[in-house]
Amino acid sequence: MNNYAAEKLTADWVKQNGMKLKQFDKVDLLLIRAQQTAHNLIKYHTTLLTNEQTTTLNDYLIQINNKKLQKKVTDKKAYAVLNIGKQVNRQVFKAYKAADKSLL
């Protein structure tokens, strides 16, 4: 695989996870991780989210994707998004564990 193909694969993966390559050198990694978490929660686990959680995630994505609002995003907001991700991950694991037990 040549360098161009590897860069294209990387760019595609970054785009699929709701991020932009230009953000990596300008935005703190914690904020990018929270952005990825918010994007994936909205994309894959919408049914497990409350209205308040969905609003929080959408607001975060709007702020992190806007250059002017991006400067106002704090670590506290990122941790709120990551905590929502942890809660949903626990719900998914419990459902997976219950489904696994029912198969036995």
PDB file of N, CA and C in Angstrom:
ATOM      1  N   MET A   1       0.852  -1.165   0.000  1.00  0.00           N
ATOM      2  CA  MET A   1       0.000   0.000   0.000  1.00  0.00           C
ATOM      3  C   MET A   1       0.903   1.235   0.000  1.00  0.00           C
ATOM      4  N   ASN A   2       0.636   2.120  -0.929  1.00  0.00           N
ATOM      5  CA  ASN A   2       1.450   3.327  -0.983  1.00  0.00           C
ATOM      6  C   ASN A   2       0.958   4.365   0.026  1.00  0.00           C
ATOM      7  N   ASN A   3       1.704   5.420   0.146  1.00  0.00           N
ATOM      8  CA  ASN A   3       1.418   6.446   1.139  1.00  0.00           C
ATOM      9  C   ASN A   3       0.082   7.133   0.867  1.00  0.00           C
ATOM     10  N   TYR A   4      -0.217   7.385  -0.402  1.00  0.00           N
ATOM     11  CA  TYR A   4      -1.474   8.048  -0.745  1.00  0.00           C
ATOM     12  C   TYR A   4      -2.674   7.195  -0.326  1.00  0.00           C
ATOM     13  N   ALA A   5      -2.607   5.898  -0.585  1.00  0.00           N
ATOM     14  CA  ALA A   5      -3.710   5.010  -0.225  1.00  0.00           C
ATOM     15  C   ALA A   5      -3.894   4.954   1.292  1.00  0.00           C
ATOM     16  N   ALA A   6      -2.796   4.939   2.026  1.00  0.00           N
ATOM     17  CA  ALA A   6      -2.875   4.921   3.487  1.00  0.00           C
ATOM     18  C   ALA A   6      -3.486   6.215   4.021  1.00  0.00           C
ATOM     19  N   GLU A   7      -3.097   7.335   3.431  1.00  0.00           N
ATOM     20  CA  GLU A   7      -3.661   8.625   3.858  1.00  0.00           C
ATOM     21  C   GLU A   7      -5.147   8.702   3.544  1.00  0.00           C
ATOM     22  N   LYS A   8      -5.551   8.157   2.409  1.00  0.00           N
ATOM     23  CA  LYS A   8      -6.971   8.156   2.048  1.00  0.00           C
ATOM     24  C   LYS A   8      -7.772   7.288   3.011  1.00  0.00           C
ATOM     25  N   LEU A   9      -7.248   6.122   3.361  1.00  0.00           N
ATOM     26  CA  LEU A   9      -7.926   5.267   4.332  1.00  0.00           C
ATOM     27  C   LEU A   9      -8.056   5.960   5.686  1.00  0.00           C
ATOM     28  N   THR A  10      -7.004   6.635   6.094  1.00  0.00           N
ATOM     29  CA  THR A  10      -7.030   7.369   7.360  1.00  0.00           C
ATOM     30  C   THR A  10      -8.075   8.476   7.316  1.00  0.00           C
ATOM     31  N   ALA A  11      -8.089   9.234   6.225  1.00  0.00           N
ATOM     32  CA  ALA A  11      -9.051  10.330   6.087  1.00  0.00           C
ATOM     33  C   ALA A  11     -10.479   9.806   6.080  1.00  0.00           C
ATOM     34  N   ASP A  12     -10.701   8.686   5.425  1.00  0.00           N
ATOM     35  CA  ASP A  12     -12.043   8.095   5.410  1.00  0.00           C
ATOM     36  C   ASP A  12     -12.482   7.658   6.801  1.00  0.00           C
ATOM     37  N   TRP A  13     -11.564   7.023   7.552  1.00  0.00           N
ATOM     38  CA  TRP A  13     -11.895   6.580   8.909  1.00  0.00           C
ATOM     39  C   TRP A  13     -12.208   7.769   9.811  1.00  0.00           C
ATOM     40  N   VAL A  14     -11.413   8.809   9.697  1.00  0.00           N
ATOM     41  CA  VAL A  14     -11.628  10.006  10.521  1.00  0.00           C
ATOM     42  C   VAL A  14     -12.987  10.616  10.195  1.00  0.00           C
ATOM     43  N   LYS A  15     -13.325  10.677   8.923  1.00  0.00           N
ATOM     44  CA  LYS A  15     -14.614  11.248   8.514  1.00  0.00           C
ATOM     45  C   LYS A  15     -15.776  10.386   8.995  1.00  0.00           C
ATOM     46  N   GLN A  16     -15.635   9.069   8.927  1.00  0.00           N
ATOM     47  CA  GLN A  16     -16.695   8.166   9.387  1.00  0.00           C
ATOM     48  C   GLN A  16     -16.945   8.302  10.881  1.00  0.00           C
ATOM     49  N   ASN A  17     -15.952   8.726  11.637  1.00  0.00           N
ATOM     50  CA  ASN A  17     -16.095   8.893  13.079  1.00  0.00           C
ATOM     51  C   ASN A  17     -16.437  10.319  13.472  1.00  0.00           C
ATOM     52  N   GLY A  18     -16.843  11.135  12.505  1.00  0.00           N
ATOM     53  CA  GLY A  18     -17.349  12.465  12.785  1.00  0.00           C
ATOM     54  C   GLY A  18     -16.290  13.493  13.115  1.00  0.00           C
ATOM     55  N   MET A  19     -15.076  13.291  12.660  1.00  0.00           N
ATOM     56  CA  MET A  19     -13.992  14.230  12.956  1.00  0.00           C
ATOM     57  C   MET A  19     -13.418  14.789  11.660  1.00  0.00           C
ATOM     58  N   LYS A  20     -12.511  15.753  11.816  1.00  0.00           N
ATOM     59  CA  LYS A  20     -11.834  16.349  10.675  1.00  0.00           C
ATOM     60  C   LYS A  20     -10.330  16.273  10.916  1.00  0.00           C
ATOM     61  N   LEU A  21      -9.588  15.988   9.856  1.00  0.00           N
ATOM     62  CA  LEU A  21      -8.135  15.871   9.988  1.00  0.00           C
ATOM     63  C   LEU A  21      -7.492  17.180  10.456  1.00  0.00           C
ATOM     64  N   LYS A  22      -8.038  18.307  10.041  1.00  0.00           N
ATOM     65  CA  LYS A  22      -7.457  19.603  10.396  1.00  0.00           C
ATOM     66  C   LYS A  22      -7.547  19.890  11.891  1.00  0.00           C
ATOM     67  N   GLN A  23      -8.464  19.213  12.588  1.00  0.00           N
ATOM     68  CA  GLN A  23      -8.649  19.466  14.014  1.00  0.00           C
ATOM     69  C   GLN A  23      -7.533  18.875  14.864  1.00  0.00           C
ATOM     70  N   PHE A  24      -6.873  17.858  14.398  1.00  0.00           N
ATOM     71  CA  PHE A  24      -5.929  17.133  15.233  1.00  0.00           C
ATOM     72  C   PHE A  24      -4.757  17.989  15.707  1.00  0.00           C
ATOM     73  N   ASP A  25      -4.336  18.949  14.923  1.00  0.00           N
ATOM     74  CA  ASP A  25      -3.217  19.778  15.360  1.00  0.00           C
ATOM     75  C   ASP A  25      -3.670  21.040  16.083  1.00  0.00           C
ATOM     76  N   LYS A  26      -4.975  21.332  16.088  1.00  0.00           N
ATOM     77  CA  LYS A  26      -5.465  22.567  16.693  1.00  0.00           C
ATOM     78  C   LYS A  26      -6.304  22.342  17.954  1.00  0.00           C
ATOM     79  N   VAL A  27      -6.854  21.150  18.101  1.00  0.00           N
ATOM     80  CA  VAL A  27      -7.788  20.888  19.194  1.00  0.00           C
ATOM     81  C   VAL A  27      -7.182  19.853  20.134  1.00  0.00           C
ATOM     82  N   ASP A  28      -7.456  20.025  21.418  1.00  0.00           N
ATOM     83  CA  ASP A  28      -6.982  19.101  22.439  1.00  0.00           C
ATOM     84  C   ASP A  28      -7.536  17.698  22.180  1.00  0.00           C
ATOM     85  N   LEU A  29      -6.754  16.692  22.437  1.00  0.00           N
ATOM     86  CA  LEU A  29      -7.137  15.313  22.163  1.00  0.00           C
ATOM     87  C   LEU A  29      -8.358  14.881  22.967  1.00  0.00           C
ATOM     88  N   LEU A  30      -8.513  15.387  24.168  1.00  0.00           N
ATOM     89  CA  LEU A  30      -9.690  15.075  24.983  1.00  0.00           C
ATOM     90  C   LEU A  30     -10.961  15.524  24.277  1.00  0.00           C
ATOM     91  N   LEU A  31     -10.934  16.700  23.675  1.00  0.00           N
ATOM     92  CA  LEU A  31     -12.103  17.229  22.979  1.00  0.00           C
ATOM     93  C   LEU A  31     -12.409  16.406  21.733  1.00  0.00           C
ATOM     94  N   ILE A  32     -11.370  15.925  21.058  1.00  0.00           N
ATOM     95  CA  ILE A  32     -11.572  15.094  19.874  1.00  0.00           C
ATOM     96  C   ILE A  32     -12.149  13.742  20.270  1.00  0.00           C
ATOM     97  N   ARG A  33     -11.669  13.179  21.355  1.00  0.00           N
ATOM     98  CA  ARG A  33     -12.205  11.905  21.843  1.00  0.00           C
ATOM     99  C   ARG A  33     -13.681  12.053  22.208  1.00  0.00           C
ATOM    100  N   ALA A  34     -14.032  13.159  22.836  1.00  0.00           N
ATOM    101  CA  ALA A  34     -15.429  13.406  23.185  1.00  0.00           C
ATOM    102  C   ALA A  34     -16.268  13.606  21.924  1.00  0.00           C
ATOM    103  N   GLN A  35     -15.690  14.232  20.916  1.00  0.00           N
ATOM    104  CA  GLN A  35     -16.392  14.423  19.654  1.00  0.00           C
ATOM    105  C   GLN A  35     -16.697  13.073  19.003  1.00  0.00           C
ATOM    106  N   GLN A  36     -15.734  12.186  18.997  1.00  0.00           N
ATOM    107  CA  GLN A  36     -15.928  10.851  18.435  1.00  0.00           C
ATOM    108  C   GLN A  36     -16.989  10.086  19.220  1.00  0.00           C
ATOM    109  N   THR A  37     -16.939  10.188  20.527  1.00  0.00           N
ATOM    110  CA  THR A  37     -17.920   9.510  21.376  1.00  0.00           C
ATOM    111  C   THR A  37     -19.323  10.033  21.101  1.00  0.00           C
ATOM    112  N   ALA A  38     -19.472  11.347  21.038  1.00  0.00           N
ATOM    113  CA  ALA A  38     -20.781  11.946  20.788  1.00  0.00           C
ATOM    114  C   ALA A  38     -21.321  11.512  19.417  1.00  0.00           C
ATOM    115  N   HIS A  39     -20.474  11.554  18.424  1.00  0.00           N
ATOM    116  CA  HIS A  39     -20.883  11.164  17.073  1.00  0.00           C
ATOM    117  C   HIS A  39     -21.355   9.710  17.050  1.00  0.00           C
ATOM    118  N   ASN A  40     -20.587   8.818  17.639  1.00  0.00           N
ATOM    119  CA  ASN A  40     -20.937   7.398  17.630  1.00  0.00           C
ATOM    120  C   ASN A  40     -22.177   7.095  18.466  1.00  0.00           C
ATOM    121  N   LEU A  41     -22.361   7.796  19.564  1.00  0.00           N
ATOM    122  CA  LEU A  41     -23.564   7.590  20.380  1.00  0.00           C
ATOM    123  C   LEU A  41     -24.809   7.992  19.608  1.00  0.00           C
ATOM    124  N   ILE A  42     -24.750   9.125  18.935  1.00  0.00           N
ATOM    125  CA  ILE A  42     -25.909   9.583  18.177  1.00  0.00           C
ATOM    126  C   ILE A  42     -26.150   8.673  16.972  1.00  0.00           C
ATOM    127  N   LYS A  43     -25.087   8.186  16.379  1.00  0.00           N
ATOM    128  CA  LYS A  43     -25.215   7.356  15.188  1.00  0.00           C
ATOM    129  C   LYS A  43     -25.711   5.943  15.507  1.00  0.00           C
ATOM    130  N   TYR A  44     -25.217   5.327  16.573  1.00  0.00           N
ATOM    131  CA  TYR A  44     -25.489   3.922  16.835  1.00  0.00           C
ATOM    132  C   TYR A  44     -26.410   3.638  18.023  1.00  0.00           C
ATOM    133  N   HIS A  45     -26.500   4.535  18.999  1.00  0.00           N
ATOM    134  CA  HIS A  45     -27.226   4.228  20.236  1.00  0.00           C
ATOM    135  C   HIS A  45     -28.263   5.290  20.585  1.00  0.00           C
ATOM    136  N   THR A  46     -28.926   5.827  19.599  1.00  0.00           N
ATOM    137  CA  THR A  46     -29.911   6.880  19.844  1.00  0.00           C
ATOM    138  C   THR A  46     -31.042   6.397  20.736  1.00  0.00           C
ATOM    139  N   THR A  47     -31.413   5.143  20.600  1.00  0.00           N
ATOM    140  CA  THR A  47     -32.544   4.627  21.379  1.00  0.00           C
ATOM    141  C   THR A  47     -32.234   4.538  22.870  1.00  0.00           C
ATOM    142  N   LEU A  48     -30.975   4.477  23.237  1.00  0.00           N
ATOM    143  CA  LEU A  48     -30.597   4.368  24.650  1.00  0.00           C
ATOM    144  C   LEU A  48     -30.419   5.734  25.322  1.00  0.00           C
ATOM    145  N   LEU A  49     -30.512   6.802  24.542  1.00  0.00           N
ATOM    146  CA  LEU A  49     -30.275   8.150  25.075  1.00  0.00           C
ATOM    147  C   LEU A  49     -31.581   8.809  25.500  1.00  0.00           C
ATOM    148  N   THR A  50     -31.498   9.589  26.572  1.00  0.00           N
ATOM    149  CA  THR A  50     -32.633  10.412  26.977  1.00  0.00           C
ATOM    150  C   THR A  50     -32.614  11.691  26.141  1.00  0.00           C
ATOM    151  N   ASN A  51     -33.690  12.449  26.226  1.00  0.00           N
ATOM    152  CA  ASN A  51     -33.750  13.716  25.483  1.00  0.00           C
ATOM    153  C   ASN A  51     -32.662  14.679  25.943  1.00  0.00           C
ATOM    154  N   GLU A  52     -32.416  14.710  27.237  1.00  0.00           N
ATOM    155  CA  GLU A  52     -31.390  15.603  27.788  1.00  0.00           C
ATOM    156  C   GLU A  52     -29.998  15.201  27.287  1.00  0.00           C
ATOM    157  N   GLN A  53     -29.734  13.906  27.263  1.00  0.00           N
ATOM    158  CA  GLN A  53     -28.437  13.435  26.781  1.00  0.00           C
ATOM    159  C   GLN A  53     -28.255  13.731  25.295  1.00  0.00           C
ATOM    160  N   THR A  54     -29.308  13.531  24.519  1.00  0.00           N
ATOM    161  CA  THR A  54     -29.245  13.818  23.092  1.00  0.00           C
ATOM    162  C   THR A  54     -28.983  15.293  22.853  1.00  0.00           C
ATOM    163  N   THR A  55     -29.632  16.137  23.620  1.00  0.00           N
ATOM    164  CA  THR A  55     -29.414  17.584  23.495  1.00  0.00           C
ATOM    165  C   THR A  55     -27.981  17.947  23.846  1.00  0.00           C
ATOM    166  N   THR A  56     -27.462  17.369  24.914  1.00  0.00           N
ATOM    167  CA  THR A  56     -26.084  17.628  25.325  1.00  0.00           C
ATOM    168  C   THR A  56     -25.107  17.214  24.232  1.00  0.00           C
ATOM    169  N   LEU A  57     -25.309  16.037  23.653  1.00  0.00           N
ATOM    170  CA  LEU A  57     -24.416  15.552  22.613  1.00  0.00           C
ATOM    171  C   LEU A  57     -24.495  16.406  21.350  1.00  0.00           C
ATOM    172  N   ASN A  58     -25.708  16.757  20.944  1.00  0.00           N
ATOM    173  CA  ASN A  58     -25.863  17.598  19.750  1.00  0.00           C
ATOM    174  C   ASN A  58     -25.249  18.975  19.952  1.00  0.00           C
ATOM    175  N   ASP A  59     -25.455  19.553  21.125  1.00  0.00           N
ATOM    176  CA  ASP A  59     -24.858  20.863  21.422  1.00  0.00           C
ATOM    177  C   ASP A  59     -23.340  20.788  21.376  1.00  0.00           C
ATOM    178  N   TYR A  60     -22.786  19.720  21.919  1.00  0.00           N
ATOM    179  CA  TYR A  60     -21.334  19.553  21.903  1.00  0.00           C
ATOM    180  C   TYR A  60     -20.815  19.445  20.473  1.00  0.00           C
ATOM    181  N   LEU A  61     -21.491  18.665  19.648  1.00  0.00           N
ATOM    182  CA  LEU A  61     -21.050  18.515  18.261  1.00  0.00           C
ATOM    183  C   LEU A  61     -21.132  19.823  17.492  1.00  0.00           C
ATOM    184  N   ILE A  62     -22.170  20.585  17.757  1.00  0.00           N
ATOM    185  CA  ILE A  62     -22.295  21.894  17.098  1.00  0.00           C
ATOM    186  C   ILE A  62     -21.148  22.802  17.521  1.00  0.00           C
ATOM    187  N   GLN A  63     -20.847  22.820  18.812  1.00  0.00           N
ATOM    188  CA  GLN A  63     -19.787  23.694  19.313  1.00  0.00           C
ATOM    189  C   GLN A  63     -18.411  23.268  18.830  1.00  0.00           C
ATOM    190  N   ILE A  64     -18.129  21.996  18.798  1.00  0.00           N
ATOM    191  CA  ILE A  64     -16.793  21.529  18.434  1.00  0.00           C
ATOM    192  C   ILE A  64     -16.561  21.664  16.932  1.00  0.00           C
ATOM    193  N   ASN A  65     -17.619  21.658  16.132  1.00  0.00           N
ATOM    194  CA  ASN A  65     -17.473  21.779  14.683  1.00  0.00           C
ATOM    195  C   ASN A  65     -17.488  23.221  14.194  1.00  0.00           C
ATOM    196  N   ASN A  66     -17.790  24.170  15.069  1.00  0.00           N
ATOM    197  CA  ASN A  66     -17.782  25.582  14.714  1.00  0.00           C
ATOM    198  C   ASN A  66     -16.499  26.213  15.253  1.00  0.00           C
ATOM    199  N   LYS A  67     -15.713  26.826  14.373  1.00  0.00           N
ATOM    200  CA  LYS A  67     -14.418  27.367  14.794  1.00  0.00           C
ATOM    201  C   LYS A  67     -14.539  28.437  15.872  1.00  0.00           C
ATOM    202  N   LYS A  68     -15.551  29.277  15.782  1.00  0.00           N
ATOM    203  CA  LYS A  68     -15.712  30.339  16.775  1.00  0.00           C
ATOM    204  C   LYS A  68     -16.149  29.786  18.132  1.00  0.00           C
ATOM    205  N   LEU A  69     -17.056  28.827  18.102  1.00  0.00           N
ATOM    206  CA  LEU A  69     -17.548  28.246  19.352  1.00  0.00           C
ATOM    207  C   LEU A  69     -16.579  27.233  19.935  1.00  0.00           C
ATOM    208  N   GLN A  70     -15.694  26.716  19.111  1.00  0.00           N
ATOM    209  CA  GLN A  70     -14.747  25.684  19.536  1.00  0.00           C
ATOM    210  C   GLN A  70     -13.822  26.174  20.646  1.00  0.00           C
ATOM    211  N   LYS A  71     -13.499  27.437  20.628  1.00  0.00           N
ATOM    212  CA  LYS A  71     -12.607  27.997  21.643  1.00  0.00           C
ATOM    213  C   LYS A  71     -13.257  28.030  23.023  1.00  0.00           C
ATOM    214  N   LYS A  72     -14.586  28.003  23.058  1.00  0.00           N
ATOM    215  CA  LYS A  72     -15.303  28.072  24.328  1.00  0.00           C
ATOM    216  C   LYS A  72     -15.602  26.692  24.922  1.00  0.00           C
ATOM    217  N   VAL A  73     -15.300  25.648  24.175  1.00  0.00           N
ATOM    218  CA  VAL A  73     -15.544  24.290  24.672  1.00  0.00           C
ATOM    219  C   VAL A  73     -14.526  23.977  25.755  1.00  0.00           C
ATOM    220  N   THR A  74     -15.013  23.568  26.909  1.00  0.00           N
ATOM    221  CA  THR A  74     -14.138  23.297  28.044  1.00  0.00           C
ATOM    222  C   THR A  74     -13.997  21.791  28.262  1.00  0.00           C
ATOM    223  N   ASP A  75     -13.049  21.448  29.091  1.00  0.00           N
ATOM    224  CA  ASP A  75     -12.866  20.044  29.459  1.00  0.00           C
ATOM    225  C   ASP A  75     -14.096  19.504  30.186  1.00  0.00           C
ATOM    226  N   LYS A  76     -14.780  20.380  30.926  1.00  0.00           N
ATOM    227  CA  LYS A  76     -15.974  19.970  31.666  1.00  0.00           C
ATOM    228  C   LYS A  76     -17.049  19.456  30.709  1.00  0.00           C
ATOM    229  N   LYS A  77     -17.231  20.132  29.578  1.00  0.00           N
ATOM    230  CA  LYS A  77     -18.214  19.685  28.591  1.00  0.00           C
ATOM    231  C   LYS A  77     -17.783  18.367  27.963  1.00  0.00           C
ATOM    232  N   ALA A  78     -16.498  18.222  27.720  1.00  0.00           N
ATOM    233  CA  ALA A  78     -15.989  16.975  27.142  1.00  0.00           C
ATOM    234  C   ALA A  78     -16.201  15.819  28.109  1.00  0.00           C
ATOM    235  N   TYR A  79     -15.941  16.044  29.392  1.00  0.00           N
ATOM    236  CA  TYR A  79     -16.144  14.986  30.380  1.00  0.00           C
ATOM    237  C   TYR A  79     -17.627  14.627  30.515  1.00  0.00           C
ATOM    238  N   ALA A  80     -18.516  15.606  30.348  1.00  0.00           N
ATOM    239  CA  ALA A  80     -19.955  15.317  30.384  1.00  0.00           C
ATOM    240  C   ALA A  80     -20.327  14.376  29.244  1.00  0.00           C
ATOM    241  N   VAL A  81     -19.766  14.617  28.070  1.00  0.00           N
ATOM    242  CA  VAL A  81     -20.025  13.746  26.919  1.00  0.00           C
ATOM    243  C   VAL A  81     -19.447  12.355  27.157  1.00  0.00           C
ATOM    244  N   LEU A  82     -18.238  12.293  27.674  1.00  0.00           N
ATOM    245  CA  LEU A  82     -17.609  10.998  27.930  1.00  0.00           C
ATOM    246  C   LEU A  82     -18.355  10.211  29.016  1.00  0.00           C
ATOM    247  N   ASN A  83     -18.919  10.906  29.996  1.00  0.00           N
ATOM    248  CA  ASN A  83     -19.716  10.234  31.029  1.00  0.00           C
ATOM    249  C   ASN A  83     -20.997   9.652  30.443  1.00  0.00           C
ATOM    250  N   ILE A  84     -21.616  10.373  29.517  1.00  0.00           N
ATOM    251  CA  ILE A  84     -22.789   9.832  28.832  1.00  0.00           C
ATOM    252  C   ILE A  84     -22.392   8.578  28.066  1.00  0.00           C
ATOM    253  N   GLY A  85     -21.241   8.624  27.428  1.00  0.00           N
ATOM    254  CA  GLY A  85     -20.746   7.467  26.696  1.00  0.00           C
ATOM    255  C   GLY A  85     -20.527   6.276  27.603  1.00  0.00           C
ATOM    256  N   LYS A  86     -20.015   6.529  28.800  1.00  0.00           N
ATOM    257  CA  LYS A  86     -19.791   5.444  29.768  1.00  0.00           C
ATOM    258  C   LYS A  86     -21.120   4.838  30.211  1.00  0.00           C
ATOM    259  N   GLN A  87     -22.119   5.688  30.448  1.00  0.00           N
ATOM    260  CA  GLN A  87     -23.427   5.196  30.876  1.00  0.00           C
ATOM    261  C   GLN A  87     -24.069   4.319  29.798  1.00  0.00           C
ATOM    262  N   VAL A  88     -23.995   4.768  28.563  1.00  0.00           N
ATOM    263  CA  VAL A  88     -24.581   4.005  27.460  1.00  0.00           C
ATOM    264  C   VAL A  88     -23.809   2.705  27.251  1.00  0.00           C
ATOM    265  N   ASN A  89     -22.498   2.765  27.384  1.00  0.00           N
ATOM    266  CA  ASN A  89     -21.686   1.558  27.236  1.00  0.00           C
ATOM    267  C   ASN A  89     -22.074   0.515  28.286  1.00  0.00           C
ATOM    268  N   ARG A  90     -22.365   0.947  29.497  1.00  0.00           N
ATOM    269  CA  ARG A  90     -22.805   0.020  30.535  1.00  0.00           C
ATOM    270  C   ARG A  90     -24.145  -0.611  30.177  1.00  0.00           C
ATOM    271  N   GLN A  91     -25.056   0.207  29.619  1.00  0.00           N
ATOM    272  CA  GLN A  91     -26.356  -0.319  29.206  1.00  0.00           C
ATOM    273  C   GLN A  91     -26.196  -1.356  28.094  1.00  0.00           C
ATOM    274  N   VAL A  92     -25.330  -1.062  27.141  1.00  0.00           N
ATOM    275  CA  VAL A  92     -25.095  -1.986  26.031  1.00  0.00           C
ATOM    276  C   VAL A  92     -24.496  -3.285  26.548  1.00  0.00           C
ATOM    277  N   PHE A  93     -23.551  -3.189  27.480  1.00  0.00           N
ATOM    278  CA  PHE A  93     -22.924  -4.387  28.029  1.00  0.00           C
ATOM    279  C   PHE A  93     -23.932  -5.232  28.802  1.00  0.00           C
ATOM    280  N   LYS A  94     -24.804  -4.583  29.585  1.00  0.00           N
ATOM    281  CA  LYS A  94     -25.820  -5.335  30.329  1.00  0.00           C
ATOM    282  C   LYS A  94     -26.766  -6.050  29.375  1.00  0.00           C
ATOM    283  N   ALA A  95     -27.169  -5.383  28.296  1.00  0.00           N
ATOM    284  CA  ALA A  95     -28.055  -6.008  27.313  1.00  0.00           C
ATOM    285  C   ALA A  95     -27.337  -7.180  26.627  1.00  0.00           C
ATOM    286  N   TYR A  96     -26.068  -7.006  26.300  1.00  0.00           N
ATOM    287  CA  TYR A  96     -25.306  -8.069  25.671  1.00  0.00           C
ATOM    288  C   TYR A  96     -25.156  -9.266  26.608  1.00  0.00           C
ATOM    289  N   LYS A  97     -24.908  -8.985  27.876  1.00  0.00           N
ATOM    290  CA  LYS A  97     -24.745 -10.048  28.876  1.00  0.00           C
ATOM    291  C   LYS A  97     -26.056 -10.801  29.078  1.00  0.00           C
ATOM    292  N   ALA A  98     -27.171 -10.063  29.106  1.00  0.00           N
ATOM    293  CA  ALA A  98     -28.479 -10.705  29.278  1.00  0.00           C
ATOM    294  C   ALA A  98     -28.827 -11.555  28.053  1.00  0.00           C
ATOM    295  N   ALA A  99     -28.483 -11.072  26.869  1.00  0.00           N
ATOM    296  CA  ALA A  99     -28.760 -11.844  25.654  1.00  0.00           C
ATOM    297  C   ALA A  99     -27.880 -13.091  25.604  1.00  0.00           C
ATOM    298  N   ASP A 100     -26.656 -12.969  26.096  1.00  0.00           N
ATOM    299  CA  ASP A 100     -25.741 -14.109  26.112  1.00  0.00           C
ATOM    300  C   ASP A 100     -26.239 -15.183  27.064  1.00  0.00           C
ATOM    301  N   LYS A 101     -26.785 -14.792  28.219  1.00  0.00           N
ATOM    302  CA  LYS A 101     -27.303 -15.759  29.196  1.00  0.00           C
ATOM    303  C   LYS A 101     -28.558 -16.451  28.670  1.00  0.00           C
ATOM    304  N   SER A 102     -29.354 -15.729  27.898  1.00  0.00           N
ATOM    305  CA  SER A 102     -30.595 -16.316  27.393  1.00  0.00           C
ATOM    306  C   SER A 102     -30.314 -17.385  26.331  1.00  0.00           C
ATOM    307  N   LEU A 103     -29.151 -17.308  25.708  1.00  0.00           N
ATOM    308  CA  LEU A 103     -28.799 -18.303  24.697  1.00  0.00           C
ATOM    309  C   LEU A 103     -28.349 -19.629  25.316  1.00  0.00           C
ATOM    310  N   LEU A 104     -27.957 -19.601  26.570  1.00  0.00           N
ATOM    311  CA  LEU A 104     -27.477 -20.825  27.227  1.00  0.00           C
ATOM    312  C   LEU A 104     -28.574 -21.738  27.627  1.00  0.00           C
TER     313      LEU A 104
END
